[in-house]
Amino acid sequence: MASPNDSLTVLTLNIWGLLIVSKKRQQRVKYLGEYLKQARNTLDAVFCHWLSMKVADHEAAFWRYAAAGDPAAITCGDYYAGKGFGWSRIATPKGPVDVFNTHIHANYSHRVSRHHHSATSTSSSSSDTVFMVPQDDFAPYRMSQVLELAQAIRHISSTGSIGVVLGGDLNAKPFLLEMALLRVLLPGLRDAW
């Protein structure tokens, strides 16, 4: 029988902490910090509208995405925000857990086109997959970032981890190509959407 000490609670949220444009930013960060100080047995991957990690007793690192955005798109800010992903290996009673936290490039237009993919197996049944392909100018950045993130998760977590948690803002709904790609590359992940 599992005891309360065997559980792992994950909290991931976007407090929208962008300097200058975020209203009541300092107040939100202060209240969140006060809450996290009191939280017990909780892994807190806190996403503060670009990215930060808040965990105790861990190994950690941050990698900036190679394709971070378009530097000419000044009003978007994604390039200048230093998009990337954080990683932390947390010791738990059951073994180490790898926690990744990211913010993928935003989709500013949400234009999509519908695509069907038919896969025929060796049996007599076939399955159709329907997904939406983003049509905005920043879709290539998001796809590149998803590929880079998935590669890092597979590589890092292949050595000694008993599980993976991915949190943050992927800027993609479950039916979009970005998420379909992530599910193909990391079939063990389960979406909490």
N, C-alpha and C. Protein backbone atom coordinates (compact mmCIF):
# COMPACT_ATOMS: atom_id res chain seq x y z
N MET A 1 0.85 -1.18 0.00
CA MET A 1 0.00 0.00 0.00
C MET A 1 0.89 1.24 0.00
N ALA A 2 0.61 2.16 -0.88
CA ALA A 2 1.41 3.39 -1.00
C ALA A 2 1.08 4.34 0.14
N SER A 3 2.10 4.94 0.68
CA SER A 3 1.89 5.94 1.72
C SER A 3 1.92 7.32 1.08
N PRO A 4 1.46 8.38 1.79
CA PRO A 4 1.51 9.73 1.22
C PRO A 4 2.92 10.14 0.82
N ASN A 5 3.93 9.58 1.45
CA ASN A 5 5.30 9.92 1.11
C ASN A 5 5.75 9.33 -0.23
N ASP A 6 4.98 8.35 -0.76
CA ASP A 6 5.31 7.73 -2.03
C ASP A 6 4.77 8.51 -3.22
N SER A 7 3.94 9.51 -2.96
CA SER A 7 3.31 10.22 -4.07
C SER A 7 4.16 11.39 -4.53
N LEU A 8 3.94 11.77 -5.75
CA LEU A 8 4.61 12.92 -6.33
C LEU A 8 3.54 13.81 -6.94
N THR A 9 3.44 15.03 -6.46
CA THR A 9 2.47 15.97 -6.99
C THR A 9 3.22 16.95 -7.86
N VAL A 10 2.70 17.19 -9.04
CA VAL A 10 3.34 18.11 -9.98
C VAL A 10 2.42 19.30 -10.19
N LEU A 11 2.99 20.48 -10.04
CA LEU A 11 2.26 21.72 -10.29
C LEU A 11 2.97 22.46 -11.39
N THR A 12 2.28 22.71 -12.47
CA THR A 12 2.84 23.52 -13.54
C THR A 12 1.81 24.57 -13.92
N LEU A 13 2.22 25.80 -13.96
CA LEU A 13 1.30 26.87 -14.30
C LEU A 13 2.03 28.04 -14.90
N ASN A 14 1.27 28.84 -15.61
CA ASN A 14 1.81 30.01 -16.28
C ASN A 14 1.31 31.23 -15.52
N ILE A 15 2.19 31.91 -14.82
CA ILE A 15 1.75 33.08 -14.05
C ILE A 15 1.89 34.36 -14.85
N TRP A 16 2.26 34.24 -16.09
CA TRP A 16 2.40 35.37 -17.00
C TRP A 16 3.19 36.49 -16.35
N GLY A 17 4.48 36.28 -16.24
CA GLY A 17 5.35 37.21 -15.55
C GLY A 17 6.21 38.06 -16.45
N LEU A 18 5.74 38.36 -17.66
CA LEU A 18 6.51 39.16 -18.60
C LEU A 18 6.68 40.58 -18.07
N LEU A 19 7.92 41.03 -18.01
CA LEU A 19 8.20 42.38 -17.54
C LEU A 19 7.45 43.42 -18.37
N ILE A 20 7.08 44.48 -17.77
CA ILE A 20 6.44 45.66 -18.36
C ILE A 20 4.96 45.42 -18.69
N VAL A 21 4.61 44.37 -19.43
CA VAL A 21 3.23 44.20 -19.88
C VAL A 21 2.35 43.36 -18.94
N SER A 22 2.93 42.63 -18.01
CA SER A 22 2.15 41.79 -17.11
C SER A 22 1.65 42.61 -15.92
N LYS A 23 0.34 42.66 -15.77
CA LYS A 23 -0.25 43.40 -14.66
C LYS A 23 -0.12 42.59 -13.37
N LYS A 24 0.17 43.27 -12.28
CA LYS A 24 0.27 42.65 -10.94
C LYS A 24 1.29 41.51 -10.91
N ARG A 25 2.31 41.59 -11.73
CA ARG A 25 3.33 40.55 -11.84
C ARG A 25 4.00 40.26 -10.51
N GLN A 26 4.48 41.31 -9.85
CA GLN A 26 5.20 41.11 -8.58
C GLN A 26 4.29 40.50 -7.52
N GLN A 27 3.04 40.90 -7.49
CA GLN A 27 2.09 40.36 -6.53
C GLN A 27 1.86 38.86 -6.78
N ARG A 28 1.68 38.47 -8.04
CA ARG A 28 1.47 37.06 -8.38
C ARG A 28 2.69 36.22 -8.01
N VAL A 29 3.87 36.72 -8.34
CA VAL A 29 5.10 35.98 -8.03
C VAL A 29 5.26 35.84 -6.52
N LYS A 30 4.97 36.90 -5.78
CA LYS A 30 5.08 36.86 -4.31
C LYS A 30 4.13 35.82 -3.72
N TYR A 31 2.87 35.83 -4.14
CA TYR A 31 1.89 34.87 -3.61
C TYR A 31 2.26 33.44 -3.98
N LEU A 32 2.73 33.24 -5.19
CA LEU A 32 3.14 31.91 -5.60
C LEU A 32 4.32 31.43 -4.76
N GLY A 33 5.29 32.30 -4.55
CA GLY A 33 6.44 31.96 -3.70
C GLY A 33 6.03 31.58 -2.30
N GLU A 34 5.07 32.31 -1.73
CA GLU A 34 4.58 31.99 -0.38
C GLU A 34 3.91 30.62 -0.35
N TYR A 35 3.13 30.32 -1.39
CA TYR A 35 2.48 29.01 -1.47
C TYR A 35 3.52 27.90 -1.56
N LEU A 36 4.50 28.08 -2.43
CA LEU A 36 5.50 27.04 -2.64
C LEU A 36 6.35 26.79 -1.40
N LYS A 37 6.57 27.79 -0.60
CA LYS A 37 7.32 27.60 0.65
C LYS A 37 6.61 26.64 1.58
N GLN A 38 5.28 26.61 1.51
CA GLN A 38 4.49 25.76 2.41
C GLN A 38 4.18 24.40 1.81
N ALA A 39 4.39 24.22 0.52
CA ALA A 39 4.07 22.95 -0.14
C ALA A 39 5.06 21.88 0.30
N ARG A 40 4.54 20.68 0.57
CA ARG A 40 5.39 19.55 0.97
C ARG A 40 5.22 18.41 -0.02
N ASN A 41 6.30 17.67 -0.24
CA ASN A 41 6.29 16.54 -1.16
C ASN A 41 5.76 16.94 -2.54
N THR A 42 6.09 18.14 -2.94
CA THR A 42 5.61 18.64 -4.22
C THR A 42 6.78 19.02 -5.09
N LEU A 43 6.76 18.57 -6.29
CA LEU A 43 7.74 19.00 -7.27
C LEU A 43 7.12 20.17 -7.99
N ASP A 44 7.75 21.30 -7.95
CA ASP A 44 7.17 22.50 -8.52
C ASP A 44 7.98 22.95 -9.73
N ALA A 45 7.45 22.68 -10.88
CA ALA A 45 8.05 23.18 -12.11
C ALA A 45 7.26 24.44 -12.43
N VAL A 46 7.75 25.54 -11.99
CA VAL A 46 6.99 26.78 -12.09
C VAL A 46 7.39 27.51 -13.35
N PHE A 47 6.43 27.73 -14.16
CA PHE A 47 6.66 28.41 -15.41
C PHE A 47 6.21 29.85 -15.27
N CYS A 48 7.14 30.77 -15.25
CA CYS A 48 6.85 32.18 -15.00
C CYS A 48 6.93 32.95 -16.30
N HIS A 49 6.11 32.65 -17.20
CA HIS A 49 5.99 33.22 -18.55
C HIS A 49 7.31 33.50 -19.19
N TRP A 50 8.13 32.92 -19.27
CA TRP A 50 9.16 32.44 -20.16
C TRP A 50 9.67 31.19 -19.50
N LEU A 51 10.47 31.25 -18.43
CA LEU A 51 10.81 29.96 -17.83
C LEU A 51 11.64 30.14 -16.59
N SER A 52 11.28 29.44 -15.54
CA SER A 52 12.17 29.29 -14.40
C SER A 52 11.82 27.98 -13.69
N MET A 53 12.78 27.45 -12.97
CA MET A 53 12.55 26.21 -12.25
C MET A 53 12.65 26.49 -10.76
N LYS A 54 11.81 25.83 -9.96
CA LYS A 54 11.83 25.96 -8.50
C LYS A 54 11.74 24.57 -7.92
N VAL A 55 12.86 23.98 -7.60
CA VAL A 55 12.88 22.67 -6.98
C VAL A 55 14.04 22.64 -5.99
N ALA A 56 13.99 21.69 -5.06
CA ALA A 56 15.03 21.60 -4.04
C ALA A 56 15.84 20.31 -4.22
N ASP A 57 17.12 20.34 -3.81
CA ASP A 57 18.00 19.17 -3.81
C ASP A 57 17.98 18.42 -5.15
N HIS A 58 18.58 19.00 -6.16
CA HIS A 58 18.49 18.43 -7.49
C HIS A 58 19.70 18.79 -8.34
N GLU A 59 19.84 18.04 -9.43
CA GLU A 59 20.74 18.43 -10.51
C GLU A 59 19.87 19.24 -11.46
N ALA A 60 20.43 20.26 -12.08
CA ALA A 60 19.61 21.07 -12.98
C ALA A 60 20.45 21.72 -14.07
N ALA A 61 19.81 22.03 -15.19
CA ALA A 61 20.47 22.73 -16.28
C ALA A 61 19.41 23.41 -17.14
N PHE A 62 19.85 24.34 -17.97
CA PHE A 62 18.97 25.02 -18.91
C PHE A 62 19.65 25.06 -20.27
N TRP A 63 18.89 24.77 -21.31
CA TRP A 63 19.39 24.84 -22.68
C TRP A 63 18.50 25.77 -23.49
N ARG A 64 19.12 26.70 -24.18
CA ARG A 64 18.36 27.59 -25.08
C ARG A 64 18.18 26.86 -26.41
N TYR A 65 16.98 26.99 -26.97
CA TYR A 65 16.71 26.35 -28.25
C TYR A 65 17.59 26.94 -29.35
N ALA A 66 18.08 26.08 -30.25
CA ALA A 66 18.90 26.54 -31.37
C ALA A 66 18.10 27.47 -32.27
N ALA A 67 16.83 27.15 -32.49
CA ALA A 67 15.94 28.00 -33.28
C ALA A 67 14.99 28.69 -32.31
N ALA A 68 15.43 29.80 -31.77
CA ALA A 68 14.68 30.46 -30.69
C ALA A 68 13.61 31.42 -31.19
N GLY A 69 13.57 31.69 -32.49
CA GLY A 69 12.60 32.61 -33.03
C GLY A 69 13.26 33.56 -34.02
N ASP A 70 12.47 34.49 -34.49
CA ASP A 70 12.94 35.45 -35.49
C ASP A 70 13.35 36.75 -34.80
N PRO A 71 14.63 37.11 -34.84
CA PRO A 71 15.07 38.35 -34.17
C PRO A 71 14.42 39.60 -34.77
N ALA A 72 13.93 39.51 -36.00
CA ALA A 72 13.27 40.67 -36.62
C ALA A 72 11.83 40.85 -36.12
N ALA A 73 11.26 39.83 -35.49
CA ALA A 73 9.90 39.91 -34.96
C ALA A 73 9.93 40.49 -33.55
N ILE A 74 10.32 41.74 -33.46
CA ILE A 74 10.55 42.39 -32.17
C ILE A 74 9.29 42.42 -31.32
N THR A 75 8.13 42.67 -31.91
CA THR A 75 6.90 42.77 -31.13
C THR A 75 6.46 41.43 -30.55
N CYS A 76 6.93 40.33 -31.12
CA CYS A 76 6.59 39.01 -30.57
C CYS A 76 7.42 38.71 -29.33
N GLY A 77 8.68 39.00 -29.36
CA GLY A 77 9.54 38.82 -28.20
C GLY A 77 10.05 37.43 -27.95
N ASP A 78 9.60 36.44 -28.71
CA ASP A 78 10.02 35.06 -28.43
C ASP A 78 11.53 34.87 -28.54
N TYR A 79 12.14 35.45 -29.56
CA TYR A 79 13.59 35.32 -29.74
C TYR A 79 14.33 35.93 -28.55
N TYR A 80 13.89 37.10 -28.13
CA TYR A 80 14.59 37.83 -27.07
C TYR A 80 14.32 37.27 -25.68
N ALA A 81 13.29 36.44 -25.57
CA ALA A 81 12.96 35.85 -24.27
C ALA A 81 13.91 34.71 -23.91
N GLY A 82 14.69 34.24 -24.85
CA GLY A 82 15.61 33.15 -24.55
C GLY A 82 14.90 31.82 -24.39
N LYS A 83 14.01 31.50 -25.33
CA LYS A 83 13.24 30.25 -25.26
C LYS A 83 14.18 29.05 -25.15
N GLY A 84 13.76 28.10 -24.35
CA GLY A 84 14.54 26.90 -24.15
C GLY A 84 13.81 25.96 -23.22
N PHE A 85 14.57 25.07 -22.59
CA PHE A 85 13.97 24.16 -21.62
C PHE A 85 14.91 23.95 -20.45
N GLY A 86 14.30 23.80 -19.31
CA GLY A 86 15.05 23.49 -18.10
C GLY A 86 14.89 22.01 -17.79
N TRP A 87 15.87 21.46 -17.13
CA TRP A 87 15.85 20.06 -16.73
C TRP A 87 16.32 19.96 -15.29
N SER A 88 15.70 19.08 -14.56
CA SER A 88 16.13 18.80 -13.21
C SER A 88 15.92 17.32 -12.92
N ARG A 89 16.90 16.67 -12.31
CA ARG A 89 16.75 15.28 -11.88
C ARG A 89 16.51 15.30 -10.38
N ILE A 90 15.34 14.82 -10.00
CA ILE A 90 14.88 14.88 -8.62
C ILE A 90 14.98 13.50 -8.00
N ALA A 91 15.57 13.44 -6.82
CA ALA A 91 15.64 12.17 -6.09
C ALA A 91 14.30 11.95 -5.40
N THR A 92 13.69 10.79 -5.65
CA THR A 92 12.45 10.42 -4.97
C THR A 92 12.69 9.09 -4.26
N PRO A 93 11.81 8.71 -3.35
CA PRO A 93 11.99 7.42 -2.66
C PRO A 93 12.02 6.23 -3.62
N LYS A 94 11.40 6.35 -4.78
CA LYS A 94 11.36 5.25 -5.75
C LYS A 94 12.51 5.30 -6.75
N GLY A 95 13.23 6.42 -6.80
CA GLY A 95 14.32 6.59 -7.74
C GLY A 95 14.27 7.97 -8.38
N PRO A 96 15.27 8.30 -9.20
CA PRO A 96 15.33 9.64 -9.80
C PRO A 96 14.26 9.86 -10.89
N VAL A 97 13.69 11.06 -10.88
CA VAL A 97 12.71 11.46 -11.87
C VAL A 97 13.27 12.68 -12.60
N ASP A 98 13.20 12.65 -13.93
CA ASP A 98 13.64 13.79 -14.73
C ASP A 98 12.47 14.71 -15.00
N VAL A 99 12.65 15.98 -14.69
CA VAL A 99 11.61 16.98 -14.87
C VAL A 99 12.10 18.00 -15.89
N PHE A 100 11.30 18.21 -16.92
CA PHE A 100 11.61 19.18 -17.97
C PHE A 100 10.53 20.24 -17.95
N ASN A 101 10.94 21.48 -18.17
CA ASN A 101 10.02 22.60 -18.18
C ASN A 101 10.39 23.49 -19.37
N THR A 102 9.41 23.83 -20.19
CA THR A 102 9.71 24.56 -21.41
C THR A 102 8.65 25.59 -21.73
N HIS A 103 9.01 26.46 -22.65
CA HIS A 103 8.05 27.36 -23.27
C HIS A 103 8.39 27.40 -24.75
N ILE A 104 7.55 26.75 -25.54
CA ILE A 104 7.73 26.68 -26.99
C ILE A 104 7.25 28.00 -27.60
N HIS A 105 7.79 28.35 -28.76
CA HIS A 105 7.44 29.58 -29.46
C HIS A 105 5.93 29.72 -29.61
N ALA A 106 5.42 30.91 -29.44
CA ALA A 106 3.99 31.16 -29.54
C ALA A 106 3.48 31.06 -30.98
N ASN A 107 2.19 30.77 -31.09
CA ASN A 107 1.48 30.77 -32.37
C ASN A 107 0.58 32.00 -32.35
N TYR A 108 0.90 32.99 -33.13
CA TYR A 108 0.18 34.26 -33.08
C TYR A 108 -1.03 34.33 -34.00
N SER A 109 -1.20 33.37 -34.90
CA SER A 109 -2.33 33.45 -35.82
C SER A 109 -3.33 32.31 -35.66
N HIS A 110 -2.88 31.15 -35.24
CA HIS A 110 -3.71 29.96 -35.04
C HIS A 110 -4.40 29.48 -36.32
N ARG A 111 -3.82 29.79 -37.48
CA ARG A 111 -4.32 29.24 -38.75
C ARG A 111 -3.80 27.81 -38.88
N VAL A 112 -4.70 26.90 -39.28
CA VAL A 112 -4.31 25.50 -39.46
C VAL A 112 -4.95 24.93 -40.71
N SER A 113 -4.38 23.86 -41.20
CA SER A 113 -5.01 23.09 -42.27
C SER A 113 -5.13 21.65 -41.78
N ARG A 114 -6.20 21.00 -42.19
CA ARG A 114 -6.50 19.65 -41.74
C ARG A 114 -5.79 18.63 -42.63
N HIS A 115 -5.13 17.65 -42.01
CA HIS A 115 -4.43 16.60 -42.76
C HIS A 115 -4.83 15.24 -42.22
N HIS A 116 -4.92 14.28 -43.13
CA HIS A 116 -5.23 12.89 -42.78
C HIS A 116 -4.00 12.05 -43.07
N HIS A 117 -3.73 11.12 -42.20
CA HIS A 117 -2.65 10.17 -42.43
C HIS A 117 -3.24 8.78 -42.23
N SER A 118 -3.20 7.96 -43.25
CA SER A 118 -3.70 6.59 -43.16
C SER A 118 -2.54 5.66 -42.98
N ALA A 119 -2.62 4.85 -41.96
CA ALA A 119 -1.58 3.86 -41.70
C ALA A 119 -2.22 2.49 -41.78
N THR A 120 -1.71 1.65 -42.65
CA THR A 120 -2.24 0.30 -42.80
C THR A 120 -1.26 -0.66 -42.14
N SER A 121 -1.77 -1.41 -41.21
CA SER A 121 -0.91 -2.37 -40.52
C SER A 121 -0.88 -3.68 -41.30
N THR A 122 -0.15 -4.65 -40.80
CA THR A 122 -0.05 -5.95 -41.47
C THR A 122 -1.36 -6.72 -41.35
N SER A 123 -2.19 -6.34 -40.39
CA SER A 123 -3.49 -6.99 -40.29
C SER A 123 -4.44 -6.34 -41.28
N SER A 124 -5.68 -6.78 -41.30
CA SER A 124 -6.65 -6.26 -42.26
C SER A 124 -7.20 -4.89 -41.85
N SER A 125 -6.87 -4.43 -40.67
CA SER A 125 -7.40 -3.14 -40.22
C SER A 125 -6.44 -2.01 -40.55
N SER A 126 -6.98 -0.84 -40.74
CA SER A 126 -6.16 0.33 -40.95
C SER A 126 -6.66 1.43 -40.02
N SER A 127 -5.82 2.38 -39.73
CA SER A 127 -6.23 3.47 -38.85
C SER A 127 -5.92 4.80 -39.51
N ASP A 128 -6.81 5.74 -39.31
CA ASP A 128 -6.62 7.09 -39.83
C ASP A 128 -6.28 8.02 -38.69
N THR A 129 -5.33 8.87 -38.91
CA THR A 129 -4.97 9.89 -37.95
C THR A 129 -5.25 11.23 -38.59
N VAL A 130 -5.95 12.08 -37.87
CA VAL A 130 -6.24 13.42 -38.34
C VAL A 130 -5.51 14.38 -37.43
N PHE A 131 -4.78 15.30 -38.02
CA PHE A 131 -4.11 16.32 -37.24
C PHE A 131 -4.13 17.62 -38.01
N MET A 132 -3.94 18.70 -37.28
CA MET A 132 -3.96 20.02 -37.87
C MET A 132 -2.52 20.52 -38.00
N VAL A 133 -2.19 21.03 -39.17
CA VAL A 133 -0.86 21.57 -39.42
C VAL A 133 -0.93 23.09 -39.31
N PRO A 134 -0.12 23.67 -38.43
CA PRO A 134 -0.16 25.12 -38.27
C PRO A 134 0.34 25.82 -39.53
N GLN A 135 -0.28 26.94 -39.87
CA GLN A 135 0.06 27.68 -41.08
C GLN A 135 0.66 29.05 -40.78
N ASP A 136 1.09 29.28 -39.56
CA ASP A 136 1.65 30.58 -39.21
C ASP A 136 3.15 30.63 -39.52
N ASP A 137 3.70 31.82 -39.53
CA ASP A 137 5.12 32.02 -39.87
C ASP A 137 6.07 31.42 -38.84
N PHE A 138 5.60 31.15 -37.63
CA PHE A 138 6.49 30.68 -36.57
C PHE A 138 6.41 29.17 -36.35
N ALA A 139 5.60 28.47 -37.15
CA ALA A 139 5.47 27.02 -37.03
C ALA A 139 6.81 26.29 -37.16
N PRO A 140 7.68 26.69 -38.09
CA PRO A 140 8.98 25.99 -38.18
C PRO A 140 9.80 26.09 -36.89
N TYR A 141 9.70 27.21 -36.18
CA TYR A 141 10.42 27.35 -34.92
C TYR A 141 9.86 26.37 -33.88
N ARG A 142 8.53 26.28 -33.81
CA ARG A 142 7.92 25.36 -32.84
C ARG A 142 8.28 23.92 -33.16
N MET A 143 8.25 23.55 -34.44
CA MET A 143 8.59 22.18 -34.82
C MET A 143 10.05 21.87 -34.47
N SER A 144 10.93 22.80 -34.75
CA SER A 144 12.34 22.62 -34.41
C SER A 144 12.52 22.47 -32.90
N GLN A 145 11.81 23.28 -32.14
CA GLN A 145 11.92 23.22 -30.69
C GLN A 145 11.37 21.91 -30.14
N VAL A 146 10.27 21.42 -30.69
CA VAL A 146 9.73 20.13 -30.27
C VAL A 146 10.73 19.01 -30.56
N LEU A 147 11.34 19.03 -31.73
CA LEU A 147 12.35 18.02 -32.08
C LEU A 147 13.54 18.07 -31.12
N GLU A 148 14.03 19.27 -30.85
CA GLU A 148 15.18 19.42 -29.95
C GLU A 148 14.83 18.96 -28.53
N LEU A 149 13.64 19.34 -28.07
CA LEU A 149 13.19 18.94 -26.73
C LEU A 149 13.06 17.42 -26.63
N ALA A 150 12.41 16.80 -27.61
CA ALA A 150 12.22 15.34 -27.58
C ALA A 150 13.56 14.61 -27.60
N GLN A 151 14.49 15.08 -28.41
CA GLN A 151 15.81 14.45 -28.47
C GLN A 151 16.51 14.55 -27.12
N ALA A 152 16.43 15.71 -26.48
CA ALA A 152 17.07 15.89 -25.17
C ALA A 152 16.42 15.01 -24.12
N ILE A 153 15.10 14.94 -24.12
CA ILE A 153 14.40 14.10 -23.13
C ILE A 153 14.81 12.64 -23.30
N ARG A 154 14.83 12.16 -24.54
CA ARG A 154 15.22 10.77 -24.78
C ARG A 154 16.66 10.50 -24.32
N HIS A 155 17.56 11.41 -24.63
CA HIS A 155 18.97 11.23 -24.28
C HIS A 155 19.19 11.30 -22.77
N ILE A 156 18.71 12.37 -22.16
CA ILE A 156 18.95 12.58 -20.72
C ILE A 156 18.30 11.50 -19.88
N SER A 157 17.06 11.15 -20.22
CA SER A 157 16.30 10.21 -19.39
C SER A 157 16.65 8.75 -19.64
N SER A 158 17.53 8.50 -20.58
CA SER A 158 17.92 7.12 -20.85
C SER A 158 18.94 6.61 -19.85
N THR A 159 19.44 7.48 -18.99
CA THR A 159 20.49 7.07 -18.04
C THR A 159 20.02 7.27 -16.60
N GLY A 160 19.38 6.27 -16.06
CA GLY A 160 19.11 6.23 -14.64
C GLY A 160 17.81 6.85 -14.15
N SER A 161 16.96 7.30 -15.01
CA SER A 161 15.70 7.90 -14.58
C SER A 161 14.58 6.86 -14.57
N ILE A 162 13.69 6.95 -13.56
CA ILE A 162 12.55 6.02 -13.54
C ILE A 162 11.31 6.64 -14.16
N GLY A 163 11.38 7.93 -14.49
CA GLY A 163 10.22 8.57 -15.08
C GLY A 163 10.54 9.97 -15.55
N VAL A 164 9.62 10.53 -16.34
CA VAL A 164 9.79 11.87 -16.91
C VAL A 164 8.52 12.67 -16.68
N VAL A 165 8.72 13.93 -16.31
CA VAL A 165 7.62 14.89 -16.23
C VAL A 165 7.99 16.03 -17.17
N LEU A 166 7.07 16.39 -18.06
CA LEU A 166 7.27 17.52 -18.96
C LEU A 166 6.18 18.54 -18.66
N GLY A 167 6.59 19.73 -18.26
CA GLY A 167 5.63 20.79 -17.96
C GLY A 167 5.99 22.05 -18.71
N GLY A 168 5.14 23.03 -18.59
CA GLY A 168 5.39 24.30 -19.23
C GLY A 168 4.31 24.65 -20.21
N ASP A 169 4.65 25.48 -21.18
CA ASP A 169 3.70 25.95 -22.19
C ASP A 169 4.19 25.49 -23.55
N LEU A 170 3.54 24.47 -24.09
CA LEU A 170 3.93 23.94 -25.39
C LEU A 170 3.28 24.71 -26.54
N ASN A 171 2.41 25.64 -26.22
CA ASN A 171 1.74 26.47 -27.23
C ASN A 171 1.13 25.65 -28.35
N ALA A 172 0.54 24.51 -28.00
CA ALA A 172 -0.10 23.65 -28.99
C ALA A 172 -1.20 22.84 -28.32
N LYS A 173 -2.34 22.79 -28.97
CA LYS A 173 -3.44 21.96 -28.50
C LYS A 173 -3.16 20.51 -28.92
N PRO A 174 -3.82 19.54 -28.28
CA PRO A 174 -3.51 18.13 -28.53
C PRO A 174 -3.62 17.69 -29.99
N PHE A 175 -4.46 18.31 -30.79
CA PHE A 175 -4.68 17.87 -32.18
C PHE A 175 -3.72 18.51 -33.17
N LEU A 176 -2.82 19.39 -32.70
CA LEU A 176 -1.89 20.05 -33.62
C LEU A 176 -0.67 19.17 -33.92
N LEU A 177 -0.05 19.43 -35.05
CA LEU A 177 1.10 18.66 -35.50
C LEU A 177 2.22 18.63 -34.47
N GLU A 178 2.45 19.73 -33.79
CA GLU A 178 3.52 19.78 -32.78
C GLU A 178 3.33 18.69 -31.73
N MET A 179 2.09 18.52 -31.25
CA MET A 179 1.82 17.51 -30.23
C MET A 179 1.85 16.11 -30.82
N ALA A 180 1.38 15.96 -32.06
CA ALA A 180 1.45 14.65 -32.72
C ALA A 180 2.91 14.20 -32.83
N LEU A 181 3.78 15.12 -33.20
CA LEU A 181 5.20 14.80 -33.31
C LEU A 181 5.77 14.42 -31.94
N LEU A 182 5.42 15.16 -30.92
CA LEU A 182 5.91 14.86 -29.57
C LEU A 182 5.44 13.47 -29.12
N ARG A 183 4.19 13.13 -29.41
CA ARG A 183 3.67 11.80 -29.03
C ARG A 183 4.38 10.68 -29.79
N VAL A 184 4.75 10.92 -31.05
CA VAL A 184 5.46 9.90 -31.83
C VAL A 184 6.88 9.73 -31.31
N LEU A 185 7.55 10.83 -31.02
CA LEU A 185 8.94 10.76 -30.57
C LEU A 185 9.08 10.31 -29.12
N LEU A 186 8.06 10.58 -28.30
CA LEU A 186 8.09 10.21 -26.88
C LEU A 186 6.79 9.47 -26.54
N PRO A 187 6.64 8.24 -27.03
CA PRO A 187 5.37 7.53 -26.86
C PRO A 187 4.99 7.22 -25.41
N GLY A 188 5.94 7.28 -24.51
CA GLY A 188 5.64 7.02 -23.11
C GLY A 188 5.00 8.18 -22.37
N LEU A 189 5.04 9.37 -22.95
CA LEU A 189 4.43 10.53 -22.29
C LEU A 189 2.91 10.47 -22.40
N ARG A 190 2.25 10.93 -21.35
CA ARG A 190 0.79 11.00 -21.33
C ARG A 190 0.41 12.45 -21.12
N ASP A 191 -0.50 12.95 -21.95
CA ASP A 191 -0.91 14.35 -21.89
C ASP A 191 -1.95 14.55 -20.79
N ALA A 192 -1.76 15.59 -20.00
CA ALA A 192 -2.72 15.92 -18.94
C ALA A 192 -3.78 16.88 -19.43
N TRP A 193 -3.78 17.20 -20.70
CA TRP A 193 -4.75 18.13 -21.28
C TRP A 193 -6.13 17.63 -20.97
